[in-house]
Protein backbone atom coordinates (compact mmCIF):
# COMPACT_ATOMS: atom_id res chain seq x y z
CA UNK A 1 19.53 -21.37 1.34
CA UNK A 2 16.24 -20.00 2.68
CA UNK A 3 16.01 -16.84 0.61
CA UNK A 4 18.31 -16.53 -2.38
CA UNK A 5 18.38 -20.18 -3.44
CA UNK A 6 14.62 -20.54 -3.04
CA UNK A 7 13.93 -17.21 -4.69
CA UNK A 8 11.64 -16.44 -7.59
CA UNK A 9 12.93 -15.79 -11.09
CA UNK A 10 12.59 -12.10 -10.24
CA UNK A 11 14.77 -12.41 -7.15
CA UNK A 12 17.41 -14.19 -9.20
CA UNK A 13 17.44 -11.32 -11.68
CA UNK A 14 17.51 -8.73 -8.89
CA UNK A 15 20.38 -10.58 -7.23
CA UNK A 16 22.33 -10.44 -10.48
CA UNK A 17 21.50 -6.78 -11.06
CA UNK A 18 21.62 -5.25 -7.58
CA UNK A 19 22.45 -7.65 -4.72
CA UNK A 20 25.42 -9.37 -6.30
CA UNK A 21 25.87 -12.22 -3.84
CA UNK A 22 24.87 -13.47 -0.42
CA UNK A 23 27.82 -11.80 1.29
CA UNK A 24 26.67 -8.40 0.08
CA UNK A 25 23.22 -9.01 1.49
CA UNK A 26 24.58 -10.27 4.81
CA UNK A 27 26.81 -7.20 5.11
CA UNK A 28 23.83 -4.91 4.54
CA UNK A 29 21.69 -6.71 7.12
CA UNK A 30 24.54 -6.70 9.63
CA UNK A 31 25.01 -2.95 9.12
CA UNK A 32 21.33 -2.18 9.85
CA UNK A 33 19.93 -5.11 11.83
CA UNK A 34 17.19 -3.16 13.59
CA UNK A 35 15.96 -1.65 10.35
CA UNK A 36 15.86 -5.01 8.58
CA UNK A 37 14.06 -6.64 11.50
CA UNK A 38 11.43 -3.91 11.34
CA UNK A 39 10.85 -4.60 7.61
CA UNK A 40 8.86 -7.73 8.31
CA UNK A 41 5.59 -5.94 9.09
CA UNK A 42 5.56 -3.54 6.11
CA UNK A 43 6.73 -6.27 3.73
CA UNK A 44 3.60 -8.24 4.56
CA UNK A 45 1.42 -5.34 3.35
CA UNK A 46 2.65 -5.31 -0.25
CA UNK A 47 -0.32 -7.22 -1.64
CA UNK A 48 -2.70 -4.65 -0.16
CA UNK A 49 -1.58 -2.16 -2.84
CA UNK A 50 -2.09 -4.42 -5.85
CA UNK A 51 -5.36 -2.78 -6.87
CA UNK A 52 -3.81 0.68 -6.77
CA UNK A 53 -0.91 -0.51 -8.91
CA UNK A 54 -3.23 -2.12 -11.45
CA UNK A 55 -5.28 1.09 -11.56
CA UNK A 56 -2.16 3.04 -12.51
CA UNK A 57 -1.40 0.48 -15.22
CA UNK A 58 -4.88 0.91 -16.66
CA UNK A 59 -4.44 4.68 -16.56
CA UNK A 60 -1.13 4.38 -18.41
CA UNK A 61 -2.80 2.22 -21.06
CA UNK A 62 -5.38 4.98 -21.55
CA UNK A 63 -2.70 7.66 -21.92
CA UNK A 64 -0.34 5.49 -23.95
CA UNK A 65 -2.14 2.61 -25.72
CA UNK A 66 1.16 1.05 -26.81
CA UNK A 67 2.13 0.40 -23.18
CA UNK A 68 3.18 -3.12 -22.25
CA UNK A 69 3.40 -4.49 -18.73
CA UNK A 70 5.95 -7.02 -17.51
CA UNK A 71 5.82 -9.09 -14.36
CA UNK A 72 6.49 -7.12 -11.17
CA UNK A 73 8.52 -8.69 -8.37
CA UNK A 74 8.79 -7.44 -4.79
CA UNK A 75 12.03 -8.40 -3.12
CA UNK A 76 14.26 -7.59 -0.18
CA UNK A 77 17.67 -6.35 -1.25
CA UNK A 78 20.70 -4.61 0.20
CA UNK A 79 19.28 -1.08 0.17
CA UNK A 80 20.92 -0.30 -3.17
CA UNK A 81 17.76 0.03 -5.25
CA UNK A 82 14.11 0.92 -4.68
CA UNK A 83 13.38 -0.26 -8.19
CA UNK A 84 15.09 -1.47 -11.32
CA UNK A 85 14.16 -3.42 -14.43
CA UNK A 86 15.27 -5.37 -17.43
CA UNK A 87 13.43 -6.99 -20.33
CA UNK A 88 12.16 -9.74 -18.01
CA UNK A 89 10.41 -7.63 -15.39
CA UNK A 90 10.28 -4.85 -12.82
CA UNK A 91 12.05 -5.46 -9.51
CA UNK A 92 10.98 -3.44 -6.49
CA UNK A 93 13.25 -3.31 -3.44
CA UNK A 94 10.83 -3.41 -0.52
CA UNK A 95 13.80 -2.87 1.79
CA UNK A 96 13.64 0.80 0.74
CA UNK A 97 10.08 1.11 2.06
CA UNK A 98 10.44 0.52 5.78
CA UNK A 99 9.85 4.06 7.00
CA UNK A 100 6.86 3.85 9.31
CA UNK A 101 5.99 5.15 12.73
CA UNK A 102 8.79 4.23 15.08
CA UNK A 103 10.99 2.73 12.35
CA UNK A 104 14.62 2.51 13.56
CA UNK A 105 16.51 4.74 11.12
CA UNK A 106 19.50 5.58 13.32
CA UNK A 107 21.63 2.88 11.65
CA UNK A 108 21.19 4.44 8.19
CA UNK A 109 23.32 7.03 6.44
CA UNK A 110 22.02 10.47 5.51
CA UNK A 111 21.02 9.48 1.97
CA UNK A 112 19.06 6.43 3.10
CA UNK A 113 17.32 8.42 5.81
CA UNK A 114 16.24 10.94 3.16
CA UNK A 115 15.01 8.46 0.56
CA UNK A 116 13.51 5.50 2.40
CA UNK A 117 9.73 5.64 2.17
CA UNK A 118 6.73 4.07 3.79
CA UNK A 119 5.24 0.96 2.24
CA UNK A 120 2.17 2.99 1.21
CA UNK A 121 4.35 4.61 -1.46
CA UNK A 122 5.09 1.39 -3.32
CA UNK A 123 2.58 2.18 -6.12
CA UNK A 124 4.62 5.24 -7.09
CA UNK A 125 7.88 3.35 -7.63
CA UNK A 126 6.01 0.68 -9.58
CA UNK A 127 4.55 3.38 -11.84
CA UNK A 128 7.98 5.01 -12.24
CA UNK A 129 9.61 1.73 -13.28
CA UNK A 130 6.68 0.89 -15.57
CA UNK A 131 7.33 4.13 -17.45
CA UNK A 132 10.99 3.19 -17.80
CA UNK A 133 9.87 -0.10 -19.32
CA UNK A 134 8.22 1.82 -22.16
CA UNK A 135 11.38 3.86 -22.90
CA UNK A 136 12.80 1.60 -25.58
CA UNK A 137 14.30 4.18 -27.96
CA UNK A 138 18.03 4.76 -28.21
CA UNK A 139 19.15 7.50 -25.85
CA UNK A 140 22.18 9.72 -25.57
CA UNK A 141 24.41 9.25 -22.54
CA UNK A 142 24.64 12.95 -21.70
CA UNK A 143 23.53 14.21 -18.31
CA UNK A 144 20.60 15.95 -20.01
CA UNK A 145 19.36 12.77 -21.69
CA UNK A 146 19.67 10.72 -18.54
CA UNK A 147 17.97 13.36 -16.41
CA UNK A 148 15.11 13.59 -18.91
CA UNK A 149 14.78 9.79 -18.89
CA UNK A 150 14.37 9.79 -15.11
CA UNK A 151 12.23 12.94 -15.12
CA UNK A 152 9.81 11.52 -17.68
CA UNK A 153 9.40 8.42 -15.52
CA UNK A 154 8.66 10.66 -12.53
CA UNK A 155 6.30 12.97 -14.43
CA UNK A 156 4.26 10.36 -16.30
CA UNK A 157 4.38 8.14 -13.23
CA UNK A 158 2.73 10.97 -11.32
CA UNK A 159 0.06 11.32 -14.02
CA UNK A 160 -0.92 7.67 -13.71
CA UNK A 161 -0.32 7.01 -10.00
CA UNK A 162 -0.85 10.38 -8.34
CA UNK A 163 2.62 11.20 -7.01
CA UNK A 164 6.33 10.97 -7.78
CA UNK A 165 8.95 8.92 -6.01
CA UNK A 166 10.87 12.09 -5.11
CA UNK A 167 8.69 14.58 -3.23
CA UNK A 168 11.69 15.64 -1.13
CA UNK A 169 13.48 16.83 -4.28
CA UNK A 170 10.56 19.07 -5.22
CA UNK A 171 10.42 20.50 -1.70
CA UNK A 172 14.10 21.42 -2.03
CA UNK A 173 14.12 22.38 -5.70
CA UNK A 174 11.03 24.54 -6.15
CA UNK A 175 12.28 27.51 -4.10
CA UNK A 176 15.76 27.17 -5.69
CA UNK A 177 14.75 26.41 -9.25
CA UNK A 178 16.55 29.32 -10.95
CA UNK A 179 19.92 28.62 -9.34
CA UNK A 180 19.57 24.90 -10.09
CA UNK A 181 18.91 25.63 -13.76
CA UNK A 182 21.99 27.82 -13.98
CA UNK A 183 24.13 25.08 -12.47
CA UNK A 184 22.52 22.30 -14.52
CA UNK A 185 22.96 24.13 -17.84
CA UNK A 186 26.72 24.27 -17.29
CA UNK A 187 26.92 20.48 -17.12
CA UNK A 188 23.94 19.09 -19.02
CA UNK A 189 25.71 18.39 -22.33
CA UNK A 190 28.54 16.50 -20.66
CA UNK A 191 28.53 12.82 -19.77
CA UNK A 192 29.32 13.11 -16.07
CA UNK A 193 26.28 12.66 -13.83
CA UNK A 194 28.27 12.76 -10.60
CA UNK A 195 26.69 16.00 -9.35
CA UNK A 196 23.12 15.16 -10.32
CA UNK A 197 22.28 11.46 -10.41
CA UNK A 198 22.89 8.22 -8.49
CA UNK A 199 25.05 9.86 -5.84
CA UNK A 200 23.95 8.12 -2.67
CA UNK A 201 25.75 9.48 0.38
CA UNK A 202 28.28 11.33 -1.81
CA UNK A 203 25.97 14.36 -1.95
CA UNK A 204 26.58 16.68 0.98
CA UNK A 205 25.35 20.23 0.47
CA UNK A 206 22.09 19.38 -1.35
CA UNK A 207 19.91 16.30 -1.70
CA UNK A 208 21.26 13.57 -3.95
CA UNK A 209 19.77 12.96 -7.38
CA UNK A 210 18.46 16.42 -8.22
CA UNK A 211 18.73 15.38 -11.86
CA UNK A 212 15.37 13.64 -11.36
CA UNK A 213 13.87 16.99 -10.45
CA UNK A 214 15.44 18.78 -13.42
CA UNK A 215 14.20 16.13 -15.80
CA UNK A 216 10.74 16.26 -14.25
CA UNK A 217 10.53 20.01 -14.78
CA UNK A 218 11.54 19.62 -18.43
CA UNK A 219 8.91 16.92 -18.99
CA UNK A 220 6.28 18.92 -17.12
CA UNK A 221 6.94 22.04 -19.19
CA UNK A 222 6.89 20.10 -22.45
CA UNK A 223 3.57 18.46 -21.55
CA UNK A 224 1.93 21.67 -20.35
CA UNK A 225 2.92 23.55 -23.51
CA UNK A 226 1.99 20.75 -25.93
CA UNK A 227 -1.32 21.31 -27.76
CA UNK A 228 -1.68 17.53 -28.27
CA UNK A 229 -1.33 15.87 -24.87
CA UNK A 230 -1.49 12.33 -26.26
CA UNK A 231 1.35 13.13 -28.65
CA UNK A 232 3.30 14.66 -25.78
CA UNK A 233 3.02 11.40 -23.83
CA UNK A 234 4.23 9.43 -26.87
CA UNK A 235 7.12 11.85 -27.30
């Protein structure tokens, strides 16, 4: 009654896309009550980063004049998404940005502990999702295509906002890049993403979602080797 029913149009879309229903949200809060209670303070700081977000939008418009910008909504979800989108807007899960000094993380699983960020990093997820909003062309559903889609959002998001949403993947991947390429090449033309994307706590021996890193490195190499940088961004 106090949150979902009174929610903005963006919250209603996010509920449909990622929360599902009130029971799902209650279950998430009950599983991590200390973490959710500690979200109140960082959630109140969201507006402080509006100028930085708008600056990244202006930078994207310079790099890619065809860019369009939907409404951006900041919501509290069930820790299933730091950001998602549809044709109506970008939806940023502030519940994934509660990692501050003294934040109670002991209730969270290994994946959440690795990926939750501080609220100061909100501009980077907004930039990432804004890049996704520009990706309107038909795409293949292979692992390679999906990794490139995420990697482009990370790479161009970094160009406009100053950082990616996945610094921990680069810290892991850079010293292991050759072995990751060898493993990725064996699977990249298939349609299974189970070993590379959207794994959550299913990943055990390496960080989840290394497909973002692989796609980033492809986009980075393409951009660096392109004589026409503006064309590279359009591509």
